[in-house]
Amino acid sequence: MYEKRIAFFILLIVLSVSPCIAGEGAVLVLVGWNRSDDPYRDEIVGFMNDAVSLELKLNGYTALPLVLETSPGEELSGAAASYMIFNQAVKSGDSLKASMTLYRTSDSTVLASVSEQLSMDFDLDRELSLALEPILEALEEDIRNAPESVQKEPTPQEKVGDDKREPLEKDDPGVQEQRERWALSLGFGPYLSFGESSDYFRYGLMPDAHGEYRLLHDAGYVGLGLSASVNLAKADGILFDADLLLASLGSELRMGYYINRSLEFFFSLSGGGSYMLLERSGANSSYAFLPYGSAGLGFSMDILSRLALYLSSEYMVYFEESVIISGFVPSAGFSFKF
């Protein structure tokens, strides 16, 4: 068990470092699209733009997503990159008609163009990856035949050339990758008591909330934030019954790994303090402040560009003086990214 966790952490570290190493001297590719008056269409094309950018990075290229203010031909003049992929998409019923065009920026030559009908379901990532293959093949072939200066093109800050344009900055909102750093998750699930406390506290309900700031890399993210929950459990005793309330607030560390563009796996650790209120039938109520800890894992799937559905399982432990209260919480909820 511990060996698997250690291997997972090492994998995240290697994947986070490797893009930085590969990015030095890698070919820079602009990935562009135009906004329209249709927010729904823009959301689809923006998602497609991010997916193409991620696929380029996985193939060793440096990708910079950006929104074009004019047509791609006008934007190519003096571009601080050797190539550009221009994306377009139109929703047609339950499918997506997507087109991708690869330009060489030095002379505005179209190297490859692809138009595909993609399904709007779980196969979208796979179909988009397959549709991108001719673009990647044309890109590789042109790089092999290009001058050495193109093959070893540096970062956009160094690719200024003889024009008077300012180098592209990573923090420029027009070119930085459109991936959100803040996330708020709201979930709900049953509390299933486990261990020595299960003879008394048998079951309950537990709504929870999580807020985090994400440190992003190509393979996933590390999230730092807060976790809050309210455990409403029912106690069945020999002499009397009781209602248990455990309101918790603590800090949380969450590590996520991108399985594909819309699906991720995450692991979380949380710890803090809990307020316990025990209301007994036929007896006085009591309260106490307890430390708690938890560990969980789950999967999250994007259903919109800023909204995801997640399923998780968490193990909660409350450290009361006379007994350790613990249990599992399988839950489902939504994550809002902004």
Protein backbone atom coordinates (compact mmCIF):
# COMPACT_ATOMS: atom_id res chain seq x y z
CA MET A 1 0.00 0.00 0.00
CA TYR A 2 2.71 2.46 1.04
CA GLU A 3 4.83 1.49 -1.96
CA LYS A 4 1.96 2.42 -4.31
CA ARG A 5 1.50 5.81 -2.66
CA ILE A 6 5.23 6.56 -2.85
CA ALA A 7 5.29 5.53 -6.51
CA PHE A 8 2.29 7.78 -7.23
CA PHE A 9 3.97 10.80 -5.60
CA ILE A 10 7.23 10.13 -7.51
CA LEU A 11 5.23 9.90 -10.76
CA LEU A 12 3.62 13.30 -10.11
CA ILE A 13 6.99 14.89 -9.39
CA VAL A 14 8.59 13.40 -12.53
CA LEU A 15 5.67 14.45 -14.72
CA SER A 16 5.71 17.96 -13.31
CA VAL A 17 9.44 18.40 -13.93
CA SER A 18 9.63 16.74 -17.34
CA PRO A 19 7.61 19.40 -19.23
CA CYS A 20 9.97 22.07 -17.95
CA ILE A 21 12.96 20.12 -19.24
CA ALA A 22 11.28 19.33 -22.55
CA GLY A 23 10.14 22.92 -22.99
CA GLU A 24 13.68 24.28 -23.22
CA GLY A 25 14.53 24.46 -26.89
CA ALA A 26 11.18 22.95 -27.92
CA VAL A 27 9.29 24.19 -30.98
CA LEU A 28 6.73 26.84 -30.07
CA VAL A 29 3.21 26.37 -31.49
CA LEU A 30 0.46 28.97 -31.10
CA VAL A 31 -3.01 27.45 -30.67
CA GLY A 32 -5.64 30.02 -31.60
CA TRP A 33 -9.36 30.56 -32.03
CA ASN A 34 -11.83 33.45 -32.52
CA ARG A 35 -14.54 34.50 -30.09
CA SER A 36 -18.12 34.92 -31.31
CA ASP A 37 -21.44 36.21 -30.01
CA ASP A 38 -22.43 32.67 -28.99
CA PRO A 39 -21.14 31.87 -25.45
CA TYR A 40 -21.99 28.17 -25.83
CA ARG A 41 -20.00 27.92 -29.07
CA ASP A 42 -17.08 29.76 -27.45
CA GLU A 43 -17.13 27.35 -24.53
CA ILE A 44 -16.86 24.36 -26.89
CA VAL A 45 -14.06 25.87 -29.00
CA GLY A 46 -12.22 27.02 -25.86
CA PHE A 47 -12.35 23.46 -24.53
CA MET A 48 -11.08 22.16 -27.88
CA ASN A 49 -8.25 24.72 -27.80
CA ASP A 50 -7.14 23.52 -24.35
CA ALA A 51 -7.33 19.87 -25.44
CA VAL A 52 -5.16 20.51 -28.52
CA SER A 53 -2.65 22.45 -26.38
CA LEU A 54 -2.40 19.59 -23.91
CA GLU A 55 -1.92 17.06 -26.71
CA LEU A 56 0.92 19.17 -28.15
CA LYS A 57 2.64 19.32 -24.76
CA LEU A 58 2.35 15.56 -24.37
CA ASN A 59 4.13 15.25 -27.74
CA GLY A 60 7.03 17.47 -26.62
CA TYR A 61 6.02 20.84 -28.07
CA THR A 62 5.64 24.19 -26.34
CA ALA A 63 2.00 25.26 -26.81
CA LEU A 64 0.55 28.70 -26.16
CA PRO A 65 -3.26 28.98 -26.34
CA LEU A 66 -4.58 32.41 -27.29
CA VAL A 67 -7.68 34.18 -28.59
CA LEU A 68 -7.21 35.81 -32.01
CA GLU A 69 -8.71 39.24 -32.54
CA THR A 70 -8.59 38.92 -36.33
CA SER A 71 -8.30 36.15 -38.90
CA PRO A 72 -5.32 33.78 -38.56
CA GLY A 73 -3.67 35.13 -41.73
CA GLU A 74 -3.34 38.62 -40.26
CA GLU A 75 -2.13 37.29 -36.91
CA LEU A 76 0.69 35.28 -38.54
CA SER A 77 2.64 38.38 -39.59
CA GLY A 78 5.54 38.73 -37.17
CA ALA A 79 4.28 35.95 -34.91
CA ALA A 80 6.71 34.93 -32.17
CA ALA A 81 6.39 31.27 -33.12
CA SER A 82 7.15 29.00 -36.05
CA TYR A 83 3.70 27.43 -36.32
CA MET A 84 0.06 28.04 -35.48
CA ILE A 85 -2.90 25.65 -35.19
CA PHE A 86 -6.24 27.41 -35.72
CA ASN A 87 -9.31 25.66 -34.28
CA GLN A 88 -12.97 25.97 -35.23
CA ALA A 89 -15.99 23.99 -34.01
CA VAL A 90 -19.75 23.97 -34.50
CA LYS A 91 -22.21 21.86 -32.50
CA SER A 92 -24.52 19.84 -34.73
CA GLY A 93 -27.10 17.84 -32.78
CA ASP A 94 -25.26 15.36 -30.56
CA SER A 95 -21.97 15.73 -32.42
CA LEU A 96 -19.27 18.35 -32.89
CA LYS A 97 -17.99 19.40 -36.30
CA ALA A 98 -14.41 20.39 -35.61
CA SER A 99 -11.70 21.68 -37.93
CA MET A 100 -8.00 22.28 -37.31
CA THR A 101 -5.58 24.07 -39.65
CA LEU A 102 -1.79 24.08 -39.29
CA TYR A 103 0.05 27.18 -40.55
CA ARG A 104 3.75 27.89 -40.97
CA THR A 105 3.97 31.46 -39.69
CA SER A 106 7.00 32.55 -41.71
CA ASP A 107 5.12 32.46 -45.04
CA SER A 108 1.48 31.75 -43.94
CA THR A 109 1.59 28.37 -45.70
CA VAL A 110 -1.16 25.89 -44.78
CA LEU A 111 0.67 22.64 -43.99
CA ALA A 112 -2.37 20.54 -43.07
CA SER A 113 -6.09 20.88 -42.51
CA VAL A 114 -8.45 18.42 -40.84
CA SER A 115 -12.23 18.43 -40.50
CA GLU A 116 -13.94 15.75 -38.43
CA GLN A 117 -17.35 14.96 -36.95
CA LEU A 118 -16.75 14.19 -33.25
CA SER A 119 -19.17 12.63 -30.77
CA MET A 120 -20.15 14.71 -27.71
CA ASP A 121 -19.60 11.94 -25.17
CA PHE A 122 -16.82 10.19 -23.27
CA ASP A 123 -15.01 9.37 -26.55
CA LEU A 124 -14.50 13.05 -27.41
CA ASP A 125 -10.92 13.17 -26.07
CA ARG A 126 -9.93 10.00 -27.93
CA GLU A 127 -11.53 11.12 -31.20
CA LEU A 128 -9.94 14.56 -30.95
CA SER A 129 -6.55 12.96 -30.36
CA LEU A 130 -6.98 10.78 -33.46
CA ALA A 131 -8.12 13.76 -35.54
CA LEU A 132 -5.00 15.66 -34.50
CA GLU A 133 -2.61 12.95 -35.77
CA PRO A 134 -2.38 14.28 -39.39
CA ILE A 135 -1.63 17.74 -37.99
CA LEU A 136 1.17 16.36 -35.81
CA GLU A 137 2.59 14.32 -38.70
CA ALA A 138 2.68 17.39 -40.95
CA LEU A 139 4.27 19.41 -38.15
CA GLU A 140 7.00 16.80 -37.60
CA GLU A 141 7.72 16.53 -41.33
CA ASP A 142 8.04 20.29 -41.75
CA ILE A 143 10.35 20.53 -38.73
CA ARG A 144 12.60 17.84 -40.19
CA ASN A 145 12.89 19.84 -43.41
CA ALA A 146 13.15 23.23 -41.68
CA PRO A 147 16.35 25.16 -40.96
CA GLU A 148 18.15 24.39 -37.73
CA SER A 149 17.04 27.73 -36.25
CA VAL A 150 13.41 26.58 -36.38
CA GLN A 151 14.12 23.14 -34.96
CA LYS A 152 15.84 24.62 -31.93
CA GLU A 153 13.51 27.53 -31.46
CA PRO A 154 13.74 28.95 -27.92
CA THR A 155 11.08 30.43 -25.71
CA PRO A 156 8.74 33.23 -26.96
CA GLN A 157 10.64 35.78 -24.87
CA GLU A 158 13.76 35.05 -26.93
CA LYS A 159 11.91 34.87 -30.27
CA VAL A 160 11.53 38.60 -30.85
CA GLY A 161 13.50 38.79 -34.13
CA ASP A 162 13.82 42.09 -35.97
CA ASP A 163 10.28 43.32 -35.32
CA LYS A 164 9.34 45.81 -32.61
CA ARG A 165 6.80 43.63 -30.84
CA GLU A 166 7.17 42.94 -27.15
CA PRO A 167 7.99 39.32 -26.25
CA LEU A 168 5.03 37.21 -25.16
CA GLU A 169 4.79 37.02 -21.41
CA LYS A 170 3.59 33.89 -19.64
CA ASP A 171 1.21 35.91 -17.49
CA ASP A 172 -0.41 37.65 -20.45
CA PRO A 173 -4.07 36.54 -20.30
CA GLY A 174 -4.14 36.37 -24.09
CA VAL A 175 -1.60 33.56 -24.25
CA GLN A 176 -1.52 31.82 -20.91
CA GLU A 177 -3.17 28.42 -20.72
CA GLN A 178 -6.85 28.72 -19.91
CA ARG A 179 -6.96 26.46 -16.90
CA GLU A 180 -8.51 27.60 -13.62
CA ARG A 181 -6.48 27.74 -10.41
CA TRP A 182 -9.31 28.08 -7.86
CA ALA A 183 -11.84 25.34 -7.11
CA LEU A 184 -14.86 25.09 -4.80
CA SER A 185 -16.42 21.65 -4.24
CA LEU A 186 -19.77 20.86 -2.61
CA GLY A 187 -20.66 17.24 -1.83
CA PHE A 188 -23.03 15.02 0.12
CA GLY A 189 -23.01 11.39 1.22
CA PRO A 190 -23.81 8.89 3.98
CA TYR A 191 -21.61 8.47 7.03
CA LEU A 192 -20.94 4.76 7.68
CA SER A 193 -19.49 4.22 11.15
CA PHE A 194 -16.51 1.90 11.49
CA GLY A 195 -14.45 0.51 14.36
CA GLU A 196 -15.19 0.60 18.08
CA SER A 197 -17.70 3.46 17.75
CA SER A 198 -19.86 1.54 15.26
CA ASP A 199 -21.71 -0.28 18.06
CA TYR A 200 -23.18 3.06 19.11
CA PHE A 201 -22.95 5.51 16.19
CA ARG A 202 -24.25 3.40 13.32
CA TYR A 203 -25.09 5.75 10.48
CA GLY A 204 -25.44 9.40 9.51
CA LEU A 205 -25.37 12.00 6.76
CA MET A 206 -22.48 14.29 5.91
CA PRO A 207 -22.52 17.36 3.62
CA ASP A 208 -19.08 18.84 2.97
CA ALA A 209 -17.35 21.72 1.20
CA HIS A 210 -13.77 22.14 -0.05
CA GLY A 211 -12.01 25.25 -1.32
CA GLU A 212 -8.50 25.23 -2.75
CA TYR A 213 -5.88 27.05 -4.74
CA ARG A 214 -4.16 24.83 -7.30
CA LEU A 215 -0.49 24.79 -8.23
CA LEU A 216 -0.75 23.57 -11.81
CA HIS A 217 1.54 21.51 -14.01
CA ASP A 218 0.94 19.50 -17.18
CA ALA A 219 0.40 16.18 -15.39
CA GLY A 220 -1.93 17.44 -12.67
CA TYR A 221 -1.97 19.81 -9.72
CA VAL A 222 -1.33 20.23 -6.02
CA GLY A 223 -4.22 21.96 -4.21
CA LEU A 224 -3.92 23.83 -0.90
CA GLY A 225 -7.04 24.97 0.89
CA LEU A 226 -9.74 24.42 3.51
CA SER A 227 -12.21 21.64 4.16
CA ALA A 228 -15.50 21.91 6.10
CA SER A 229 -18.11 19.27 6.91
CA VAL A 230 -21.11 18.61 9.14
CA ASN A 231 -21.59 15.01 10.33
CA LEU A 232 -25.16 14.29 11.49
CA ALA A 233 -25.15 10.81 13.02
CA LYS A 234 -27.73 8.76 14.88
CA ALA A 235 -26.73 6.85 18.02
CA ASP A 236 -28.63 3.79 19.28
CA GLY A 237 -27.85 3.00 22.91
CA ILE A 238 -29.05 0.44 25.47
CA LEU A 239 -30.30 3.05 27.95
CA PHE A 240 -31.04 5.96 25.62
CA ASP A 241 -30.70 7.18 22.06
CA ALA A 242 -28.80 10.27 20.98
CA ASP A 243 -28.21 12.59 18.05
CA LEU A 244 -24.59 13.41 17.26
CA LEU A 245 -23.40 16.54 15.46
CA LEU A 246 -19.77 16.94 14.42
CA ALA A 247 -18.98 20.24 12.68
CA SER A 248 -15.42 20.24 11.33
CA LEU A 249 -13.07 22.80 9.78
CA GLY A 250 -9.49 22.16 8.77
CA SER A 251 -6.75 22.57 6.19
CA GLU A 252 -6.52 20.26 3.20
CA LEU A 253 -3.87 19.05 0.77
CA ARG A 254 -5.15 17.62 -2.50
CA MET A 255 -3.09 16.08 -5.32
CA GLY A 256 -4.69 15.55 -8.72
CA TYR A 257 -3.52 13.66 -11.79
CA TYR A 258 -5.03 14.27 -15.26
CA ILE A 259 -6.13 10.97 -16.83
CA ASN A 260 -7.29 12.89 -19.90
CA ARG A 261 -8.54 16.41 -20.62
CA SER A 262 -11.86 15.92 -18.81
CA LEU A 263 -11.13 13.17 -16.26
CA GLU A 264 -8.83 13.32 -13.23
CA PHE A 265 -7.91 11.21 -10.22
CA PHE A 266 -7.27 12.91 -6.88
CA PHE A 267 -6.01 12.06 -3.39
CA SER A 268 -6.61 14.27 -0.35
CA LEU A 269 -5.43 14.67 3.25
CA SER A 270 -7.18 16.91 5.76
CA GLY A 271 -6.89 17.75 9.45
CA GLY A 272 -8.23 20.28 11.92
CA GLY A 273 -10.77 20.70 14.70
CA SER A 274 -14.37 19.56 15.27
CA TYR A 275 -17.17 20.77 17.49
CA MET A 276 -19.10 17.79 18.89
CA LEU A 277 -22.65 18.11 20.24
CA LEU A 278 -24.33 15.03 21.72
CA GLU A 279 -28.04 15.36 22.48
CA ARG A 280 -29.32 12.43 24.53
CA SER A 281 -32.97 11.52 24.99
CA GLY A 282 -33.83 11.70 28.67
CA ALA A 283 -30.42 13.11 29.64
CA ASN A 284 -28.41 16.30 29.46
CA SER A 285 -26.64 17.26 26.27
CA SER A 286 -22.86 17.49 26.16
CA TYR A 287 -20.35 19.12 23.85
CA ALA A 288 -16.61 19.01 23.25
CA PHE A 289 -13.91 20.16 20.82
CA LEU A 290 -12.04 17.33 19.11
CA PRO A 291 -9.16 17.04 16.66
CA TYR A 292 -9.88 15.13 13.47
CA GLY A 293 -8.07 13.76 10.46
CA SER A 294 -9.18 12.35 7.12
CA ALA A 295 -7.87 10.78 3.92
CA GLY A 296 -9.75 10.30 0.69
CA LEU A 297 -9.53 9.57 -3.01
CA GLY A 298 -11.83 9.94 -5.97
CA PHE A 299 -12.44 10.83 -9.59
CA SER A 300 -13.63 14.06 -11.15
CA MET A 301 -15.12 14.50 -14.63
CA ASP A 302 -15.71 17.81 -16.39
CA ILE A 303 -19.28 18.28 -17.60
CA LEU A 304 -18.75 21.94 -18.56
CA SER A 305 -15.62 24.07 -18.92
CA ARG A 306 -15.89 25.29 -15.29
CA LEU A 307 -18.08 22.60 -13.74
CA ALA A 308 -17.15 19.02 -12.83
CA LEU A 309 -18.93 16.07 -11.24
CA TYR A 310 -16.93 14.07 -8.71
CA LEU A 311 -17.23 10.78 -6.82
CA SER A 312 -15.07 10.18 -3.76
CA SER A 313 -14.58 8.01 -0.70
CA GLU A 314 -13.19 9.48 2.53
CA TYR A 315 -12.17 7.95 5.85
CA MET A 316 -12.84 10.27 8.83
CA VAL A 317 -11.37 9.91 12.32
CA TYR A 318 -12.46 12.01 15.34
CA PHE A 319 -10.24 11.68 18.41
CA GLU A 320 -12.56 11.76 21.44
CA GLU A 321 -11.04 11.04 24.89
CA SER A 322 -13.00 7.86 25.63
CA VAL A 323 -13.51 6.48 22.13
CA ILE A 324 -12.22 7.06 18.59
CA ILE A 325 -15.14 7.90 16.30
CA SER A 326 -14.38 6.85 12.73
CA GLY A 327 -16.19 5.98 9.53
CA PHE A 328 -16.30 6.00 5.75
CA VAL A 329 -18.05 8.68 3.70
CA PRO A 330 -18.78 7.79 0.05
CA SER A 331 -19.98 11.02 -1.52
CA ALA A 332 -20.86 12.74 -4.78
CA GLY A 333 -20.82 16.41 -5.61
CA PHE A 334 -19.89 19.22 -7.96
CA SER A 335 -16.69 21.24 -8.34
CA PHE A 336 -16.79 24.84 -9.57
CA LYS A 337 -13.53 26.12 -11.10
CA PHE A 338 -12.70 29.77 -11.56
